[in-house]
């Protein structure tokens, strides 16, 4: 997809059901949405409404029961495991609530791990790109610290640097400020907005209603159904958030 106006993610009538004993649980039911480049899209809903399930479908971690998902021009249904692995490596960057850093690796090594072992880049390029990414997220001088030596906000910034290491067009963020204090959370959100402004699509799932104010588009998810969509013509600056 080359046009700025063409969605990076397009989902049509997507559902996901699970068989639990004799009961069928409908985690998602008829979801339709677009995520555009240069925009922040927020999916807002309470715990258990299907937000993480939706991210797992987009990320190719799980497959829908029904419906279609296109990401960066590719329909991901029907991909084999090799194709799904390539897709996750090339198109998607994940940012997790609990950071998911490797505890016995430094900040630099956590980013280099993806570059070296997932992308199979030469050592010199690995070192250079890791340094550049950590500087981009404001961690210059903290590269050789282990996760336990970093604050929550610093760990989340390592997580974002790691997600960006593959140069993905889409960033998926699952409650990215959920473990952070107010000031640090705003710092992370500012970083995510700046990433979207680089031409990427950023999709944030959260239960925090205040975060919806910074989004270009807000989707309200309830019991696996998108019940409302709101377009923000003028998202407020992150600096004005209060929660």
Foldseek 3Di string as FASTA:
>chain_A
DPDQPDFQKWWFQFWAWDDDPPDIATLAGGDTDGFGFLFEEEEAEDPSLNPVVVVCCQLVVDHTPDTWMHGRRRTPPPDDPVRSLVCNLQAEFEQEQQLPFDQVAFLLVSLLCCCCVVVNDDPVVSNVLSQVLCVLLPNVVRRRHGPVVDDPLSSSSSSVSSRCSSVHQEYEYEPSCVPDDDVSSLSVVLSQSVVSNVTHTYYYYDNDPLVNLQGQKYFYGGNNYGPDIDGDPDRDRSVPTDD
